[in-house]
Amino acid sequence: MTDWAEGDPLEVAPRLLNAVVSHGGVSVRLTEVEAYAGPDDPGSHAFRGETARNAVMFGPPGRFYVYFVYGMHHCANLVTGPAGDPGAVLLRAGEVVAGLDVARARRPGSSDRDLARGPARLCRALGIDLTHNGVRLDVVAGEGPLQTSSGPRVGLRRAAERPWRFWVTGDPTVSTYRPASVRRPAGA
């Protein structure tokens, strides 16, 4: 579904709440997302221009932009558009609504609430890794949530204060907010 992925990530992000993403035999109802606005956003991977790593962000919309972080986790974004105007929405958290046994097998020992609670957990539950970078996203629009909230983005050192993280208010699958830790010089 690319038509509704076209547009500014700040407009697309709240529309993704309660939408269902399906991949790898699992479906997740999105409860938390985070917008990244390309060259106008120091928190975006596209801030300094196109590279081999972030090329998918430059379009077309409706595809996964997947990256590897901390040497151990995958994170998935929905590319917004139009093509050539890099923007993306990080899929931060959700509730597994189909394929529960598959998600449990991918995340053994996790409670059902925590199966897709956080961007890396969501990718693992859906079976997403770097081989899915650029793959078209299977999203079905959901019914609008009763109430949404927005606030600062998680774990960023630059432009974190922008209220571009959106979530379904009070939903137990929304991840815990954690600001970026302050780096101190060695010996300080």
Protein backbone atom coordinates (compact mmCIF):
# COMPACT_ATOMS: atom_id res chain seq x y z
CA MET A 1 0.00 0.00 0.00
CA THR A 2 2.16 2.87 -1.25
CA ASP A 3 -0.38 5.63 -1.89
CA TRP A 4 -0.76 6.45 1.77
CA ALA A 5 3.01 6.14 2.33
CA GLU A 6 3.54 9.06 -0.02
CA GLY A 7 3.96 12.29 1.85
CA ASP A 8 5.80 13.90 4.68
CA PRO A 9 6.89 11.41 7.38
CA LEU A 10 5.24 13.61 10.04
CA GLU A 11 1.89 13.09 8.30
CA VAL A 12 2.41 9.39 7.56
CA ALA A 13 3.64 8.43 11.06
CA PRO A 14 0.41 8.98 13.03
CA ARG A 15 -1.60 7.31 10.24
CA LEU A 16 0.45 4.15 10.78
CA LEU A 17 -0.82 3.73 14.33
CA ASN A 18 -3.14 0.71 14.49
CA ALA A 19 -2.14 -0.30 10.95
CA VAL A 20 -1.15 -3.95 10.60
CA VAL A 21 2.27 -4.91 9.16
CA SER A 22 2.62 -8.49 7.97
CA HIS A 23 5.82 -10.32 7.14
CA GLY A 24 7.30 -13.75 7.65
CA GLY A 25 4.07 -15.36 8.82
CA VAL A 26 3.46 -12.76 11.55
CA SER A 27 1.20 -9.70 11.66
CA VAL A 28 1.79 -6.81 14.07
CA ARG A 29 -0.61 -3.96 14.89
CA LEU A 30 1.60 -0.88 15.17
CA THR A 31 1.34 0.97 18.48
CA GLU A 32 4.43 3.20 18.28
CA VAL A 33 6.33 4.85 15.41
CA GLU A 34 8.92 7.60 14.98
CA ALA A 35 9.30 10.04 12.05
CA TYR A 36 12.57 11.00 10.34
CA ALA A 37 12.57 13.89 7.85
CA GLY A 38 15.69 13.35 5.73
CA PRO A 39 17.96 16.32 4.99
CA ASP A 40 16.06 18.61 7.37
CA ASP A 41 16.53 16.26 10.32
CA PRO A 42 19.92 15.76 12.04
CA GLY A 43 18.50 12.54 13.57
CA SER A 44 17.89 11.00 10.14
CA HIS A 45 20.26 8.63 8.33
CA ALA A 46 19.62 10.77 5.22
CA PHE A 47 20.72 14.04 6.86
CA ARG A 48 24.10 14.12 5.10
CA GLY A 49 22.82 12.86 1.74
CA GLU A 50 22.50 9.58 -0.08
CA THR A 51 24.90 6.71 0.66
CA ALA A 52 24.92 3.01 -0.17
CA ARG A 53 23.47 2.32 3.30
CA ASN A 54 20.54 4.76 3.14
CA ALA A 55 19.75 4.71 -0.62
CA VAL A 56 16.38 3.01 -0.02
CA MET A 57 15.24 6.09 1.95
CA PHE A 58 15.32 8.12 -1.27
CA GLY A 59 12.35 6.22 -2.66
CA PRO A 60 10.09 4.98 -3.90
CA PRO A 61 7.79 5.05 -0.86
CA GLY A 62 6.23 1.97 0.70
CA ARG A 63 9.41 -0.08 1.09
CA PHE A 64 11.38 -1.25 4.10
CA TYR A 65 14.54 0.66 4.98
CA VAL A 66 16.32 -1.83 7.24
CA TYR A 67 19.55 -1.13 9.08
CA PHE A 68 21.76 -2.93 11.58
CA VAL A 69 22.54 -1.16 14.87
CA TYR A 70 24.90 -1.83 17.79
CA GLY A 71 26.30 -4.80 15.89
CA MET A 72 23.33 -6.97 16.88
CA HIS A 73 19.87 -5.51 16.12
CA HIS A 74 17.86 -4.79 12.99
CA CYS A 75 15.46 -1.86 12.76
CA ALA A 76 12.83 -1.34 10.04
CA ASN A 77 11.38 1.87 8.66
CA LEU A 78 8.61 2.56 6.18
CA VAL A 79 10.00 4.81 3.45
CA THR A 80 7.75 7.79 2.80
CA GLY A 81 7.92 9.94 -0.26
CA PRO A 82 7.75 11.09 -3.03
CA ALA A 83 10.81 9.39 -4.52
CA GLY A 84 13.91 11.53 -4.21
CA ASP A 85 12.72 13.19 -1.00
CA PRO A 86 14.12 10.93 1.75
CA GLY A 87 11.87 10.33 4.67
CA ALA A 88 11.03 7.34 6.80
CA VAL A 89 8.99 6.19 9.77
CA LEU A 90 10.69 3.84 12.23
CA LEU A 91 8.42 0.99 13.27
CA ARG A 92 9.04 1.13 17.04
CA ALA A 93 6.52 -1.24 18.66
CA GLY A 94 3.36 -3.21 18.22
CA GLU A 95 1.12 -6.07 19.25
CA VAL A 96 1.35 -9.44 17.52
CA VAL A 97 -2.16 -10.09 16.17
CA ALA A 98 -1.47 -13.12 13.95
CA GLY A 99 1.27 -15.73 13.84
CA LEU A 100 1.71 -15.69 17.61
CA ASP A 101 3.40 -19.11 17.69
CA VAL A 102 5.91 -18.03 15.01
CA ALA A 103 6.69 -14.80 16.89
CA ARG A 104 7.11 -16.74 20.16
CA ALA A 105 9.54 -19.11 18.46
CA ARG A 106 11.59 -16.15 17.20
CA ARG A 107 11.55 -14.47 20.64
CA PRO A 108 11.64 -17.36 23.16
CA GLY A 109 11.12 -16.40 26.78
CA SER A 110 9.36 -13.11 25.95
CA SER A 111 5.92 -12.30 27.25
CA ASP A 112 3.30 -11.80 24.55
CA ARG A 113 3.28 -8.08 25.43
CA ASP A 114 7.03 -7.84 24.77
CA LEU A 115 7.21 -9.84 21.52
CA ALA A 116 7.29 -6.67 19.36
CA ARG A 117 7.83 -4.02 22.06
CA GLY A 118 10.77 -2.03 20.67
CA PRO A 119 12.17 -1.72 17.13
CA ALA A 120 14.65 -4.63 17.33
CA ARG A 121 12.08 -6.94 18.94
CA LEU A 122 9.52 -5.97 16.29
CA CYS A 123 11.98 -6.90 13.52
CA ARG A 124 12.80 -10.21 15.14
CA ALA A 125 9.10 -11.06 15.63
CA LEU A 126 8.43 -10.28 11.94
CA GLY A 127 11.58 -12.09 10.76
CA ILE A 128 13.08 -8.93 9.22
CA ASP A 129 16.82 -8.55 8.63
CA LEU A 130 19.10 -6.76 6.14
CA THR A 131 17.98 -9.04 3.30
CA HIS A 132 14.62 -7.22 3.47
CA ASN A 133 16.07 -3.75 2.83
CA GLY A 134 14.15 -2.30 -0.13
CA VAL A 135 11.37 -4.90 -0.02
CA ARG A 136 7.83 -3.61 -0.45
CA LEU A 137 6.00 -3.40 2.85
CA ASP A 138 2.70 -5.21 3.39
CA VAL A 139 0.58 -2.79 5.45
CA VAL A 140 -3.17 -2.76 6.00
CA ALA A 141 -4.60 0.45 7.39
CA GLY A 142 -6.25 -0.01 10.76
CA GLU A 143 -9.09 1.76 12.43
CA GLY A 144 -7.92 5.00 13.94
CA PRO A 145 -6.86 4.74 17.58
CA LEU A 146 -9.03 6.37 20.21
CA GLN A 147 -6.21 8.52 21.51
CA THR A 148 -2.62 9.12 20.44
CA SER A 149 0.29 10.87 22.06
CA SER A 150 3.55 12.31 20.78
CA GLY A 151 6.85 13.10 22.40
CA PRO A 152 10.61 13.15 21.94
CA ARG A 153 12.36 10.48 19.93
CA VAL A 154 14.24 7.69 21.68
CA GLY A 155 18.00 7.34 22.01
CA LEU A 156 19.05 10.21 19.72
CA ARG A 157 21.79 12.68 20.54
CA ARG A 158 20.73 15.17 17.85
CA ALA A 159 17.20 16.50 17.37
CA ALA A 160 15.81 14.11 19.99
CA GLU A 161 13.59 16.82 21.45
CA ARG A 162 11.40 16.95 18.36
CA PRO A 163 8.02 15.42 19.28
CA TRP A 164 8.12 13.05 16.31
CA ARG A 165 7.50 9.81 18.21
CA PHE A 166 3.83 8.83 18.09
CA TRP A 167 2.07 6.12 20.08
CA VAL A 168 -1.33 4.77 21.02
CA THR A 169 -1.94 6.31 24.44
CA GLY A 170 -1.95 3.78 27.25
CA ASP A 171 -1.20 0.75 25.06
CA PRO A 172 0.91 -1.77 27.03
CA THR A 173 3.04 -2.69 23.99
CA VAL A 174 4.49 0.83 23.63
CA SER A 175 8.20 0.78 24.44
CA THR A 176 9.71 2.55 27.44
CA TYR A 177 11.07 6.02 26.67
CA ARG A 178 14.83 6.27 27.10
CA PRO A 179 16.75 9.41 26.21
CA ALA A 180 20.23 9.04 24.74
CA SER A 181 22.98 8.62 27.29
CA VAL A 182 25.53 11.39 27.54
CA ARG A 183 28.99 10.40 26.35
CA ARG A 184 31.76 11.50 28.65
CA PRO A 185 35.38 11.83 27.58
CA ALA A 186 37.68 9.03 28.70
CA GLY A 187 39.08 9.70 32.17
CA ALA A 188 36.32 12.16 33.06
